[in-house]
C-alpha atoms as a PDB file:
ATOM      1  CA  MET A   1      -0.007   0.270  -0.144  1.00  0.00           C
ATOM      2  CA  GLU A   2       1.334   3.681  -1.200  1.00  0.00           C
ATOM      3  CA  LEU A   3       2.364   5.833   1.640  1.00  0.00           C
ATOM      4  CA  MET A   4      -0.785   8.265   1.545  1.00  0.00           C
ATOM      5  CA  GLU A   5      -3.359   5.249   1.420  1.00  0.00           C
ATOM      6  CA  ARG A   6      -1.768   3.903   4.814  1.00  0.00           C
ATOM      7  CA  TYR A   7      -1.700   7.490   5.973  1.00  0.00           C
ATOM      8  CA  GLN A   8      -5.434   7.604   4.878  1.00  0.00           C
ATOM      9  CA  ALA A   9      -6.531   4.683   6.563  1.00  0.00           C
ATOM     10  CA  LEU A  10      -4.775   5.545   9.910  1.00  0.00           C
ATOM     11  CA  LYS A  11      -6.338   9.400   9.870  1.00  0.00           C
ATOM     12  CA  ASP A  12      -9.626   7.282   9.144  1.00  0.00           C
ATOM     13  CA  LYS A  13      -9.759   5.370  12.240  1.00  0.00           C
ATOM     14  CA  VAL A  14     -10.527   8.745  13.841  1.00  0.00           C
ATOM     15  CA  SER A  15     -14.346   8.949  14.774  1.00  0.00           C
ATOM     16  CA  VAL A  16     -15.105  10.340  18.016  1.00  0.00           C
ATOM     17  CA  ARG A  17     -13.160  13.410  17.146  1.00  0.00           C
ATOM     18  CA  LYS A  18     -13.474  13.218  13.653  1.00  0.00           C
ATOM     19  CA  GLU A  19     -14.434  16.962  12.600  1.00  0.00           C
ATOM     20  CA  GLU A  20     -12.025  18.377  14.866  1.00  0.00           C
ATOM     21  CA  PHE A  21      -9.403  16.068  13.630  1.00  0.00           C
ATOM     22  CA  ALA A  22     -10.340  16.692   9.978  1.00  0.00           C
ATOM     23  CA  ASP A  23     -10.008  20.293  10.496  1.00  0.00           C
ATOM     24  CA  LEU A  24      -6.226  19.907  12.376  1.00  0.00           C
ATOM     25  CA  MET A  25      -4.760  17.682   9.894  1.00  0.00           C
ATOM     26  CA  LYS A  26      -6.432  20.126   6.868  1.00  0.00           C
ATOM     27  CA  TYR A  27      -4.413  22.884   8.942  1.00  0.00           C
ATOM     28  CA  ILE A  28      -1.441  20.879   9.563  1.00  0.00           C
ATOM     29  CA  GLU A  29      -1.623  19.550   5.903  1.00  0.00           C
ATOM     30  CA  ASP A  30      -2.131  22.537   4.071  1.00  0.00           C
ATOM     31  CA  GLU A  31       0.121  25.293   6.487  1.00  0.00           C
ATOM     32  CA  THR A  32       3.024  23.215   7.357  1.00  0.00           C
ATOM     33  CA  SER A  33       5.681  21.046   5.580  1.00  0.00           C
ATOM     34  CA  TYR A  34       4.474  18.430   7.211  1.00  0.00           C
ATOM     35  CA  LEU A  35       3.617  16.512   4.467  1.00  0.00           C
ATOM     36  CA  THR A  36       7.409  16.927   2.505  1.00  0.00           C
ATOM     37  CA  ALA A  37       9.682  17.318   5.538  1.00  0.00           C
ATOM     38  CA  PRO A  38      12.421  15.258   6.163  1.00  0.00           C
ATOM     39  CA  ALA A  39      12.202  12.756   9.417  1.00  0.00           C
ATOM     40  CA  SER A  40      15.545  14.502  10.444  1.00  0.00           C
ATOM     41  CA  THR A  41      18.328  15.985   8.859  1.00  0.00           C
ATOM     42  CA  LYS A  42      21.188  13.376   8.484  1.00  0.00           C
ATOM     43  CA  PHE A  43      20.125  10.225  10.268  1.00  0.00           C
ATOM     44  CA  HIS A  44      16.137   8.492   9.866  1.00  0.00           C
ATOM     45  CA  LEU A  45      14.340   9.016   7.110  1.00  0.00           C
ATOM     46  CA  CYS A  46      16.267  12.056   5.768  1.00  0.00           C
ATOM     47  CA  ARG A  47      14.292  12.629   2.744  1.00  0.00           C
ATOM     48  CA  GLU A  48      11.086  14.436   1.457  1.00  0.00           C
ATOM     49  CA  GLN A  49       8.468  12.962   3.103  1.00  0.00           C
ATOM     50  CA  GLY A  50      10.249  10.764   5.512  1.00  0.00           C
ATOM     51  CA  LEU A  51       8.209  12.680   8.573  1.00  0.00           C
ATOM     52  CA  LEU A  52       5.233  11.309   7.426  1.00  0.00           C
ATOM     53  CA  GLU A  53       6.255   8.042   6.601  1.00  0.00           C
ATOM     54  CA  HIS A  54       8.068   7.946  10.237  1.00  0.00           C
ATOM     55  CA  CYS A  55       4.631   9.154  11.924  1.00  0.00           C
ATOM     56  CA  VAL A  56       2.934   6.535   9.618  1.00  0.00           C
ATOM     57  CA  ASN A  57       5.264   3.631  10.734  1.00  0.00           C
ATOM     58  CA  VAL A  58       4.637   4.802  14.508  1.00  0.00           C
ATOM     59  CA  ALA A  59       1.323   4.871  14.208  1.00  0.00           C
ATOM     60  CA  GLU A  60       1.143   1.301  12.479  1.00  0.00           C
ATOM     61  CA  HIS A  61       3.427  -0.308  14.940  1.00  0.00           C
ATOM     62  CA  LEU A  62       1.778   1.498  18.018  1.00  0.00           C
ATOM     63  CA  LEU A  63      -1.549  -0.375  16.843  1.00  0.00           C
ATOM     64  CA  LYS A  64      -0.137  -3.478  16.981  1.00  0.00           C
ATOM     65  CA  LEU A  65       1.888  -3.131  20.464  1.00  0.00           C
ATOM     66  CA  LYS A  66      -1.803  -2.154  21.671  1.00  0.00           C
ATOM     67  CA  ALA A  67      -3.348  -4.707  20.700  1.00  0.00           C
ATOM     68  CA  VAL A  68      -1.513  -6.907  22.501  1.00  0.00           C
ATOM     69  CA  LEU A  69      -0.562  -5.062  25.695  1.00  0.00           C
ATOM     70  CA  ALA A  70      -3.200  -2.776  26.253  1.00  0.00           C
ATOM     71  CA  PRO A  71      -6.433  -3.435  24.165  1.00  0.00           C
ATOM     72  CA  GLU A  72      -8.482  -0.699  26.409  1.00  0.00           C
ATOM     73  CA  ILE A  73      -6.660   2.030  24.782  1.00  0.00           C
ATOM     74  CA  SER A  74      -8.648   3.439  22.076  1.00  0.00           C
ATOM     75  CA  ASP A  75      -6.906   3.204  18.381  1.00  0.00           C
ATOM     76  CA  GLU A  76      -8.315   6.604  18.209  1.00  0.00           C
ATOM     77  CA  SER A  77      -5.758   7.876  21.003  1.00  0.00           C
ATOM     78  CA  CYS A  78      -3.032   5.849  19.371  1.00  0.00           C
ATOM     79  CA  VAL A  79      -3.389   7.157  15.373  1.00  0.00           C
ATOM     80  CA  ILE A  80      -3.450  10.289  17.208  1.00  0.00           C
ATOM     81  CA  VAL A  81      -0.549  10.313  19.230  1.00  0.00           C
ATOM     82  CA  ALA A  82       1.411   8.389  16.180  1.00  0.00           C
ATOM     83  CA  LEU A  83       0.283  10.808  13.416  1.00  0.00           C
ATOM     84  CA  LEU A  84       1.212  13.978  15.813  1.00  0.00           C
ATOM     85  CA  HIS A  85       4.094  12.899  18.185  1.00  0.00           C
ATOM     86  CA  ASP A  86       6.913  14.783  15.846  1.00  0.00           C
ATOM     87  CA  LEU A  87       4.988  17.185  14.035  1.00  0.00           C
ATOM     88  CA  GLY A  88       7.254  20.048  15.411  1.00  0.00           C
ATOM     89  CA  LYS A  89       9.752  18.801  12.830  1.00  0.00           C
ATOM     90  CA  ALA A  90       7.289  20.492  10.310  1.00  0.00           C
ATOM     91  CA  GLY A  91       8.309  23.708  12.193  1.00  0.00           C
ATOM     92  CA  MET A  92       5.891  26.602  11.796  1.00  0.00           C
ATOM     93  CA  PRO A  93       3.211  27.749   9.258  1.00  0.00           C
ATOM     94  CA  GLY A  94       5.705  29.074   6.435  1.00  0.00           C
ATOM     95  CA  GLN A  95       8.624  28.029   8.527  1.00  0.00           C
ATOM     96  CA  PRO A  96       9.728  24.438   8.000  1.00  0.00           C
ATOM     97  CA  GLN A  97      12.287  23.311  10.987  1.00  0.00           C
ATOM     98  CA  TYR A  98      14.153  21.794   8.317  1.00  0.00           C
ATOM     99  CA  ILE A  99      15.675  23.410   4.804  1.00  0.00           C
ATOM    100  CA  LYS A 100      17.500  21.248   2.447  1.00  0.00           C
ATOM    101  CA  ASN A 101      21.149  22.075   2.625  1.00  0.00           C
ATOM    102  CA  GLU A 102      23.084  23.872  -0.065  1.00  0.00           C
ATOM    103  CA  PRO A 103      26.822  22.811  -0.516  1.00  0.00           C
ATOM    104  CA  THR A 104      29.468  25.069   0.371  1.00  0.00           C
ATOM    105  CA  ALA A 105      31.467  26.939  -2.346  1.00  0.00           C
ATOM    106  CA  LYS A 106      34.375  24.330  -1.817  1.00  0.00           C
ATOM    107  CA  GLN A 107      32.022  21.466  -2.073  1.00  0.00           C
ATOM    108  CA  LYS A 108      30.464  23.122  -4.974  1.00  0.00           C
ATOM    109  CA  ALA A 109      34.077  23.622  -6.655  1.00  0.00           C
ATOM    110  CA  ALA A 110      34.943  20.149  -6.004  1.00  0.00           C
ATOM    111  CA  GLY A 111      31.559  18.757  -7.327  1.00  0.00           C
ATOM    112  CA  PHE A 112      30.912  17.514  -3.434  1.00  0.00           C
ATOM    113  CA  PRO A 113      27.256  17.762  -2.404  1.00  0.00           C
ATOM    114  CA  ALA A 114      26.163  19.589   0.844  1.00  0.00           C
ATOM    115  CA  THR A 115      27.831  17.746   4.340  1.00  0.00           C
ATOM    116  CA  THR A 116      24.237  16.871   5.726  1.00  0.00           C
ATOM    117  CA  PRO A 117      21.122  16.811   3.038  1.00  0.00           C
ATOM    118  CA  TYR A 118      19.127  19.255   5.818  1.00  0.00           C
ATOM    119  CA  ARG A 119      19.742  21.867   8.105  1.00  0.00           C
ATOM    120  CA  PHE A 120      17.905  23.667  11.283  1.00  0.00           C
ATOM    121  CA  ASN A 121      16.106  26.741  10.230  1.00  0.00           C
ATOM    122  CA  LYS A 122      18.027  29.443  12.050  1.00  0.00           C
ATOM    123  CA  GLU A 123      15.478  31.785  11.671  1.00  0.00           C
ATOM    124  CA  LEU A 124      12.666  29.525  13.655  1.00  0.00           C
ATOM    125  CA  LEU A 125      12.404  30.437  17.186  1.00  0.00           C
ATOM    126  CA  TYR A 126      13.765  26.812  19.317  1.00  0.00           C
ATOM    127  CA  LEU A 127      11.310  24.596  21.027  1.00  0.00           C
ATOM    128  CA  SER A 128      11.803  21.459  21.301  1.00  0.00           C
ATOM    129  CA  VAL A 129       9.653  18.707  18.976  1.00  0.00           C
ATOM    130  CA  PRO A 130       7.501  17.405  21.279  1.00  0.00           C
ATOM    131  CA  ILE A 131       6.779  20.963  23.096  1.00  0.00           C
ATOM    132  CA  ARG A 132       6.354  22.540  19.093  1.00  0.00           C
ATOM    133  CA  SER A 133       3.988  19.026  18.503  1.00  0.00           C
ATOM    134  CA  LEU A 134       1.931  20.160  21.441  1.00  0.00           C
ATOM    135  CA  TYR A 135       1.806  23.665  20.743  1.00  0.00           C
ATOM    136  CA  LEU A 136       0.565  23.325  17.333  1.00  0.00           C
ATOM    137  CA  VAL A 137      -2.038  20.872  18.633  1.00  0.00           C
ATOM    138  CA  ALA A 138      -3.583  21.692  21.454  1.00  0.00           C
ATOM    139  CA  SER A 139      -4.744  25.353  20.144  1.00  0.00           C
ATOM    140  CA  ARG A 140      -6.797  23.540  17.569  1.00  0.00           C
ATOM    141  CA  PHE A 141      -7.647  20.039  18.846  1.00  0.00           C
ATOM    142  CA  PRO A 142      -8.922  18.892  22.038  1.00  0.00           C
ATOM    143  CA  LEU A 143      -6.027  16.455  23.495  1.00  0.00           C
ATOM    144  CA  THR A 144      -6.648  14.591  26.440  1.00  0.00           C
ATOM    145  CA  GLU A 145      -3.982  14.506  29.433  1.00  0.00           C
ATOM    146  CA  THR A 146      -2.669  11.071  28.828  1.00  0.00           C
ATOM    147  CA  GLU A 147      -2.402  11.984  24.777  1.00  0.00           C
ATOM    148  CA  ALA A 148      -0.639  15.225  25.848  1.00  0.00           C
ATOM    149  CA  GLN A 149       1.681  13.109  27.959  1.00  0.00           C
ATOM    150  CA  ALA A 150       2.388  10.869  25.141  1.00  0.00           C
ATOM    151  CA  ILE A 151       3.500  13.316  22.636  1.00  0.00           C
ATOM    152  CA  VAL A 152       5.625  15.737  25.125  1.00  0.00           C
ATOM    153  CA  TYR A 153       7.682  12.459  26.727  1.00  0.00           C
ATOM    154  CA  HIS A 154       7.672  10.015  23.311  1.00  0.00           C
ATOM    155  CA  ASP A 155      11.072  10.237  23.641  1.00  0.00           C
ATOM    156  CA  GLY A 156      11.195   8.511  26.792  1.00  0.00           C
ATOM    157  CA  GLN A 157      14.378   8.473  28.662  1.00  0.00           C
ATOM    158  CA  TYR A 158      16.510   9.682  25.739  1.00  0.00           C
ATOM    159  CA  VAL A 159      16.068  13.078  26.658  1.00  0.00           C
ATOM    160  CA  GLU A 160      16.913  14.428  29.882  1.00  0.00           C
ATOM    161  CA  ASP A 161      14.186  16.536  30.403  1.00  0.00           C
ATOM    162  CA  ASN A 162      12.007  13.492  30.534  1.00  0.00           C
ATOM    163  CA  ARG A 163      13.188  12.560  33.615  1.00  0.00           C
ATOM    164  CA  SER A 164      10.383  14.067  35.705  1.00  0.00           C
ATOM    165  CA  VAL A 165       7.397  11.813  34.077  1.00  0.00           C
ATOM    166  CA  ALA A 166       9.921   8.445  35.050  1.00  0.00           C
ATOM    167  CA  ASN A 167       8.186   5.876  36.478  1.00  0.00           C
ATOM    168  CA  LYS A 168       4.748   8.051  35.866  1.00  0.00           C
ATOM    169  CA  GLU A 169       4.198   7.074  32.539  1.00  0.00           C
ATOM    170  CA  GLU A 170       0.946   6.270  31.378  1.00  0.00           C
ATOM    171  CA  LYS A 171       0.432   2.708  29.001  1.00  0.00           C
ATOM    172  CA  LEU A 172       0.047   5.013  25.576  1.00  0.00           C
ATOM    173  CA  THR A 173       3.018   7.060  26.505  1.00  0.00           C
ATOM    174  CA  LEU A 174       4.941   4.144  27.095  1.00  0.00           C
ATOM    175  CA  LEU A 175       3.646   2.091  24.060  1.00  0.00           C
ATOM    176  CA  LEU A 176       4.240   5.769  22.059  1.00  0.00           C
ATOM    177  CA  GLN A 177       7.915   5.591  23.040  1.00  0.00           C
ATOM    178  CA  TYR A 178       8.300   1.634  22.174  1.00  0.00           C
ATOM    179  CA  ALA A 179       6.695   2.091  18.889  1.00  0.00           C
ATOM    180  CA  ASP A 180       8.816   5.199  17.896  1.00  0.00           C
ATOM    181  CA  SER A 181      12.144   3.738  18.793  1.00  0.00           C
ATOM    182  CA  TRP A 182      11.248   0.602  17.107  1.00  0.00           C
ATOM    183  CA  SER A 183      10.268   2.503  13.876  1.00  0.00           C
ATOM    184  CA  GLY A 184      13.070   5.105  14.252  1.00  0.00           C
ATOM    185  CA  PHE A 185      15.856   2.587  15.259  1.00  0.00           C
ATOM    186  CA  ILE A 186      14.690  -0.804  13.402  1.00  0.00           C
ATOM    187  CA  VAL A 187      12.396  -0.606  10.676  1.00  0.00           C
ATOM    188  CA  GLU A 188      14.084   2.476   9.241  1.00  0.00           C
ATOM    189  CA  LYS A 189      17.664   2.010  10.244  1.00  0.00           C
ATOM    190  CA  ASP A 190      18.692   1.453   6.475  1.00  0.00           C
ATOM    191  CA  VAL A 191      15.910   3.016   4.521  1.00  0.00           C
END
């Protein structure tokens, strides 16, 4: 199944907050670089549409984990947090977080490409990816506290700031952490 078909199938799982979610996704798709941004500047899925592919991968793996480990969690919550956990990587409306990197004059003269395919947009105010994700979502969409926790702490203990939630994670947060790690470190490692 093609990426956009997989993406649409996931969005179709949101039914209770269907209208609000459709409005949010329309805003995200039309106003940010969510559909075209890479997932990273030089690591996993560092290519156009890498962010979307990563979010779809995370959602699909999260639903599989949830089915076995915590079937009481709704598919809707899983899809929402997975598709939106890295939204901050899209930057802000009109200001992508990642910009295609151009080779230096020396690299051009020697016929070499840029050292890394993408670079951070220095004109974008710094916010961590999870905080920017929450900022972009929360003003337009009714997240539950559990969904907000999952989005903000999805990187788990890889991020020092997340120590405050250690041993207080909700099931959804832990499942999202694992689905994100599985996708980024295993599925997308050599893609």
